[in-house]
Amino acid sequence: MKMFAYISLFYFLGVFASPPRNIPVEHYDSYTMGGEIPVIDYFIDQSVGETKLQWPKKWVDELVTKATHKQRLYYNETDAYLYNMLKKYPIKGKRVLIIGSETPWYEAIVLAYGGQPVTVEYRDIETDDPRLEIYKAEDFFENPFQCDYIFSISSIEHDGLGRYGDPIKPNGDLYFMEKAKSYLKDGGLFYLAVPIGSDCLCWNAHRIYGERRFPKLISGWKIIDKYGFDKRILKRELGFYKQPVFVLAKDEI
């Protein structure tokens, strides 16, 4: 999987250490839900420093053109699902929160569909594009605000695994999903894409969400719609996954 738009509440902590090669013994039960989640060895060290990201307007314009023509870049099928979703659930004139971006691809999609992207990123981003609204992660998490929509595309599955130098946190993904409710306006929608398949922890690359962990991930949310989801993938071989897009709303019950 290409590194792109991963999302982490831990960025504001400013901790970017090299990840442990193996799951710490004291956290094994938490990561595996008491041994219910199998583990595959898939170790990646992408801990990063403080290099600034450069997003020149010329590049953003090129990406907006690609998005306007519904081209697919980082996540082929997922991008196609996202285009279909945006046709049914338009974002024109709305502020869309995108937390964690290495490149402005999903910002470009938001712009192409008439929305206002609001990027929260732990690294400094330099841009000459006035259409982009950008916040440092530590600033946002200390003083959060609400947006009309949230995008999280192939992001949450990395939270708390240490792959990107983040602190070890077995339930970092679940913690973010709970906090995200406070970032979304009432009546707003959360567009979520994570790996879906048979439950699995690929240490430390990502989680795959199945019948056990996915319900925990979306606890307190209700599924309004879904694109590309097929129950048969939950029965596929260990390690196989797809990334459908789920349209979520806060469960007010």
Protein backbone atom coordinates (compact mmCIF):
# COMPACT_ATOMS: atom_id res chain seq x y z
CA MET A 1 0.00 0.00 0.00
CA LYS A 2 1.29 3.45 -0.85
CA MET A 3 1.72 5.90 1.98
CA PHE A 4 -0.79 8.67 1.50
CA ALA A 5 -3.48 10.04 3.73
CA TYR A 6 -2.93 8.46 7.10
CA ILE A 7 -4.53 10.00 10.12
CA SER A 8 -3.40 10.12 13.72
CA LEU A 9 -4.48 11.83 16.87
CA PHE A 10 -1.01 11.17 18.24
CA TYR A 11 0.65 13.69 15.92
CA PHE A 12 0.05 16.53 18.32
CA LEU A 13 2.18 14.69 20.89
CA GLY A 14 5.23 15.31 18.75
CA VAL A 15 6.55 11.76 19.20
CA PHE A 16 8.27 10.20 16.20
CA ALA A 17 10.32 7.25 17.39
CA SER A 18 11.33 4.17 15.43
CA PRO A 19 8.64 1.47 15.78
CA PRO A 20 9.23 -1.75 17.73
CA ARG A 21 9.95 -4.75 15.49
CA ASN A 22 7.48 -6.93 17.38
CA ILE A 23 4.28 -6.26 19.30
CA PRO A 24 5.23 -5.34 22.88
CA VAL A 25 4.31 -8.27 25.11
CA GLU A 26 2.33 -6.09 27.52
CA HIS A 27 0.09 -4.90 24.66
CA TYR A 28 -0.37 -8.17 22.81
CA ASP A 29 -3.80 -9.00 24.24
CA SER A 30 -5.10 -5.49 23.55
CA TYR A 31 -3.89 -5.50 19.95
CA THR A 32 -5.35 -8.94 19.27
CA MET A 33 -8.59 -8.49 21.24
CA GLY A 34 -7.62 -11.22 23.67
CA GLY A 35 -6.14 -13.44 21.00
CA GLU A 36 -9.17 -13.24 18.66
CA ILE A 37 -7.30 -11.30 15.97
CA PRO A 38 -4.55 -13.22 14.12
CA VAL A 39 -1.24 -11.48 13.42
CA ILE A 40 0.75 -11.40 10.18
CA ASP A 41 4.36 -10.20 10.08
CA TYR A 42 4.40 -7.11 7.87
CA PHE A 43 6.87 -4.69 9.37
CA ILE A 44 7.43 -1.19 7.95
CA ASP A 45 9.41 1.68 9.43
CA GLN A 46 8.24 4.98 7.97
CA SER A 47 8.97 7.17 10.97
CA VAL A 48 9.63 10.64 9.64
CA GLY A 49 11.19 13.91 10.71
CA GLU A 50 10.14 17.50 10.30
CA THR A 51 10.61 17.94 6.56
CA LYS A 52 8.11 20.43 5.15
CA LEU A 53 5.62 19.33 2.53
CA GLN A 54 5.47 21.45 -0.63
CA TRP A 55 2.05 21.86 -2.26
CA PRO A 56 2.43 24.43 -5.08
CA LYS A 57 -0.80 25.65 -6.65
CA LYS A 58 0.35 24.40 -10.05
CA TRP A 59 0.42 20.84 -8.69
CA VAL A 60 -2.94 21.22 -6.97
CA ASP A 61 -4.44 22.50 -10.24
CA GLU A 62 -3.11 19.43 -12.06
CA LEU A 63 -4.69 17.15 -9.46
CA VAL A 64 -8.01 19.03 -9.62
CA THR A 65 -8.05 18.45 -13.39
CA LYS A 66 -7.47 14.73 -12.83
CA ALA A 67 -10.25 14.63 -10.24
CA THR A 68 -12.61 16.50 -12.55
CA HIS A 69 -12.07 13.72 -15.08
CA LYS A 70 -12.56 11.11 -12.36
CA GLN A 71 -9.08 9.73 -12.66
CA ARG A 72 -7.89 7.28 -10.01
CA LEU A 73 -4.55 7.77 -8.33
CA TYR A 74 -3.60 6.21 -5.01
CA TYR A 75 -6.41 3.78 -4.29
CA ASN A 76 -7.88 2.73 -7.61
CA GLU A 77 -11.21 1.14 -6.69
CA THR A 78 -11.62 3.30 -3.59
CA ASP A 79 -11.31 6.49 -5.65
CA ALA A 80 -14.03 5.19 -7.97
CA TYR A 81 -16.31 4.49 -5.00
CA LEU A 82 -15.61 7.98 -3.68
CA TYR A 83 -16.63 9.61 -6.97
CA ASN A 84 -19.92 7.69 -6.93
CA MET A 85 -20.52 8.68 -3.33
CA LEU A 86 -19.91 12.36 -4.00
CA LYS A 87 -22.45 12.28 -6.79
CA LYS A 88 -25.10 11.06 -4.37
CA TYR A 89 -23.93 13.03 -1.34
CA PRO A 90 -22.64 16.36 -2.73
CA ILE A 91 -20.22 18.56 -0.82
CA LYS A 92 -20.59 21.75 -2.84
CA GLY A 93 -20.14 24.79 -0.62
CA LYS A 94 -19.27 22.65 2.41
CA ARG A 95 -16.13 22.48 4.55
CA VAL A 96 -14.56 19.04 4.44
CA LEU A 97 -12.08 18.02 7.14
CA ILE A 98 -9.18 15.92 5.85
CA ILE A 99 -6.89 14.79 8.65
CA GLY A 100 -3.44 13.71 7.52
CA SER A 101 -2.26 14.25 3.94
CA GLU A 102 1.09 13.54 2.34
CA THR A 103 -0.16 14.85 -1.00
CA PRO A 104 -3.18 17.06 -1.80
CA TRP A 105 -5.07 14.44 -3.81
CA TYR A 106 -8.21 14.32 -1.69
CA GLU A 107 -8.04 18.07 -1.27
CA ALA A 108 -8.12 18.24 -5.07
CA ILE A 109 -11.15 15.95 -5.19
CA VAL A 110 -12.94 18.18 -2.69
CA LEU A 111 -12.12 21.25 -4.79
CA ALA A 112 -13.26 19.51 -7.98
CA TYR A 113 -16.64 18.85 -6.37
CA GLY A 114 -17.07 22.39 -5.12
CA GLY A 115 -16.13 21.86 -1.48
CA GLN A 116 -13.67 23.67 0.79
CA PRO A 117 -10.88 21.34 1.98
CA VAL A 118 -9.66 21.82 5.55
CA THR A 119 -6.41 19.91 6.04
CA VAL A 120 -5.00 18.92 9.41
CA GLU A 121 -1.43 17.65 9.14
CA TYR A 122 1.37 17.12 11.66
CA ARG A 123 4.06 18.32 9.22
CA ASP A 124 4.38 21.87 7.99
CA ILE A 125 2.82 22.43 4.57
CA GLU A 126 3.96 25.27 2.36
CA THR A 127 1.56 26.32 -0.40
CA ASP A 128 0.72 29.33 -2.52
CA ASP A 129 -2.82 28.04 -3.13
CA PRO A 130 -5.37 30.28 -1.34
CA ARG A 131 -8.05 27.60 -1.70
CA LEU A 132 -6.31 25.39 0.85
CA GLU A 133 -7.06 25.83 4.55
CA ILE A 134 -4.31 24.12 6.52
CA TYR A 135 -3.73 23.59 10.24
CA LYS A 136 -0.92 21.98 12.17
CA ALA A 137 -2.20 18.91 13.97
CA GLU A 138 -1.18 20.07 17.44
CA ASP A 139 -3.03 23.36 16.93
CA PHE A 140 -6.20 21.68 15.70
CA PHE A 141 -6.34 19.03 18.41
CA GLU A 142 -5.79 21.63 21.12
CA ASN A 143 -8.49 23.89 19.68
CA PRO A 144 -10.70 21.71 17.47
CA PHE A 145 -13.67 22.96 15.49
CA GLN A 146 -16.44 21.32 13.51
CA CYS A 147 -16.79 20.85 9.77
CA ASP A 148 -19.68 19.75 7.56
CA TYR A 149 -17.98 16.55 6.43
CA ILE A 150 -14.95 14.39 7.24
CA PHE A 151 -12.79 12.40 4.82
CA SER A 152 -10.68 9.51 6.07
CA ILE A 153 -9.33 7.41 3.22
CA SER A 154 -6.97 4.58 4.17
CA SER A 155 -5.89 6.27 7.35
CA ILE A 156 -7.29 5.05 10.64
CA GLU A 157 -5.99 1.50 10.22
CA HIS A 158 -2.47 2.79 11.01
CA ASP A 159 -3.25 4.58 14.27
CA GLY A 160 -1.17 3.41 17.22
CA LEU A 161 0.95 0.83 15.37
CA GLY A 162 4.17 2.85 15.41
CA ARG A 163 4.71 2.58 11.65
CA TYR A 164 5.00 6.35 11.26
CA GLY A 165 6.86 6.94 14.52
CA ASP A 166 3.65 7.31 16.52
CA PRO A 167 3.34 6.07 20.12
CA ILE A 168 2.21 2.51 20.61
CA LYS A 169 -1.53 2.61 21.27
CA PRO A 170 -3.51 -0.62 20.74
CA ASN A 171 -6.84 1.18 20.45
CA GLY A 172 -5.65 4.33 18.71
CA ASP A 173 -8.06 3.67 15.86
CA LEU A 174 -11.06 3.30 18.16
CA TYR A 175 -10.05 6.38 20.11
CA PHE A 176 -9.95 8.52 16.99
CA MET A 177 -13.37 7.37 15.81
CA GLU A 178 -14.84 8.40 19.15
CA LYS A 179 -13.14 11.81 19.06
CA ALA A 180 -14.15 12.39 15.44
CA LYS A 181 -17.77 12.82 16.50
CA SER A 182 -16.83 16.14 18.05
CA TYR A 183 -15.27 17.32 14.76
CA LEU A 184 -18.44 16.76 12.74
CA LYS A 185 -21.41 19.10 12.68
CA ASP A 186 -24.82 17.67 13.46
CA GLY A 187 -26.27 16.30 10.25
CA GLY A 188 -22.82 15.99 8.68
CA LEU A 189 -21.35 12.89 7.09
CA PHE A 190 -18.11 10.97 7.58
CA TYR A 191 -16.67 9.27 4.46
CA LEU A 192 -14.62 6.34 5.74
CA ALA A 193 -12.40 3.86 3.87
CA VAL A 194 -10.36 1.24 5.71
CA PRO A 195 -9.14 -2.25 4.72
CA ILE A 196 -12.05 -4.70 5.03
CA GLY A 197 -11.56 -8.47 5.09
CA SER A 198 -11.05 -11.23 7.61
CA ASP A 199 -9.95 -9.67 10.92
CA CYS A 200 -6.18 -9.38 10.98
CA LEU A 201 -3.36 -7.29 12.41
CA CYS A 202 -0.53 -6.91 9.91
CA TRP A 203 2.18 -5.77 12.31
CA ASN A 204 2.95 -2.96 12.00
CA ALA A 205 1.70 -1.98 8.55
CA HIS A 206 -2.05 -1.80 9.16
CA ARG A 207 -5.16 -3.41 10.55
CA ILE A 208 -7.72 -5.27 8.47
CA TYR A 209 -11.27 -4.91 9.80
CA GLY A 210 -13.67 -7.82 9.83
CA GLU A 211 -16.61 -9.17 11.80
CA ARG A 212 -14.91 -8.60 15.17
CA ARG A 213 -13.18 -5.21 15.02
CA PHE A 214 -15.16 -3.28 12.42
CA PRO A 215 -18.29 -3.04 14.62
CA LYS A 216 -16.08 -1.63 17.38
CA LEU A 217 -14.55 0.87 14.97
CA ILE A 218 -17.93 2.34 14.01
CA SER A 219 -19.51 2.12 17.45
CA GLY A 220 -21.63 5.22 17.98
CA TRP A 221 -21.93 5.74 14.22
CA LYS A 222 -24.58 4.55 11.81
CA ILE A 223 -23.94 3.45 8.24
CA ILE A 224 -25.97 5.60 5.85
CA ASP A 225 -24.60 4.03 2.69
CA LYS A 226 -21.70 1.94 1.43
CA TYR A 227 -19.85 1.57 -1.85
CA GLY A 228 -17.89 -1.49 -2.90
CA PHE A 229 -18.67 -3.57 0.17
CA ASP A 230 -19.21 -7.30 -0.34
CA LYS A 231 -19.69 -9.62 2.64
CA ARG A 232 -17.81 -12.36 0.82
CA ILE A 233 -14.50 -10.58 1.41
CA LEU A 234 -14.94 -11.26 5.13
CA LYS A 235 -14.44 -14.96 4.33
CA ARG A 236 -11.42 -14.57 2.06
CA GLU A 237 -7.91 -15.72 2.90
CA LEU A 238 -6.05 -14.07 5.75
CA GLY A 239 -4.41 -10.84 4.67
CA PHE A 240 -6.72 -10.18 1.71
CA TYR A 241 -8.74 -6.99 1.80
CA LYS A 242 -10.67 -4.39 -0.17
CA GLN A 243 -11.25 -0.73 0.70
CA PRO A 244 -14.91 0.12 0.24
CA VAL A 245 -16.22 3.55 1.20
CA PHE A 246 -18.75 3.86 4.02
CA VAL A 247 -20.93 6.91 4.54
CA LEU A 248 -21.38 7.40 8.29
CA ALA A 249 -23.42 9.72 10.45
CA LYS A 250 -23.33 10.26 14.19
CA ASP A 251 -25.75 7.91 15.92
CA GLU A 252 -27.92 10.16 18.04
CA ILE A 253 -29.63 7.28 19.83
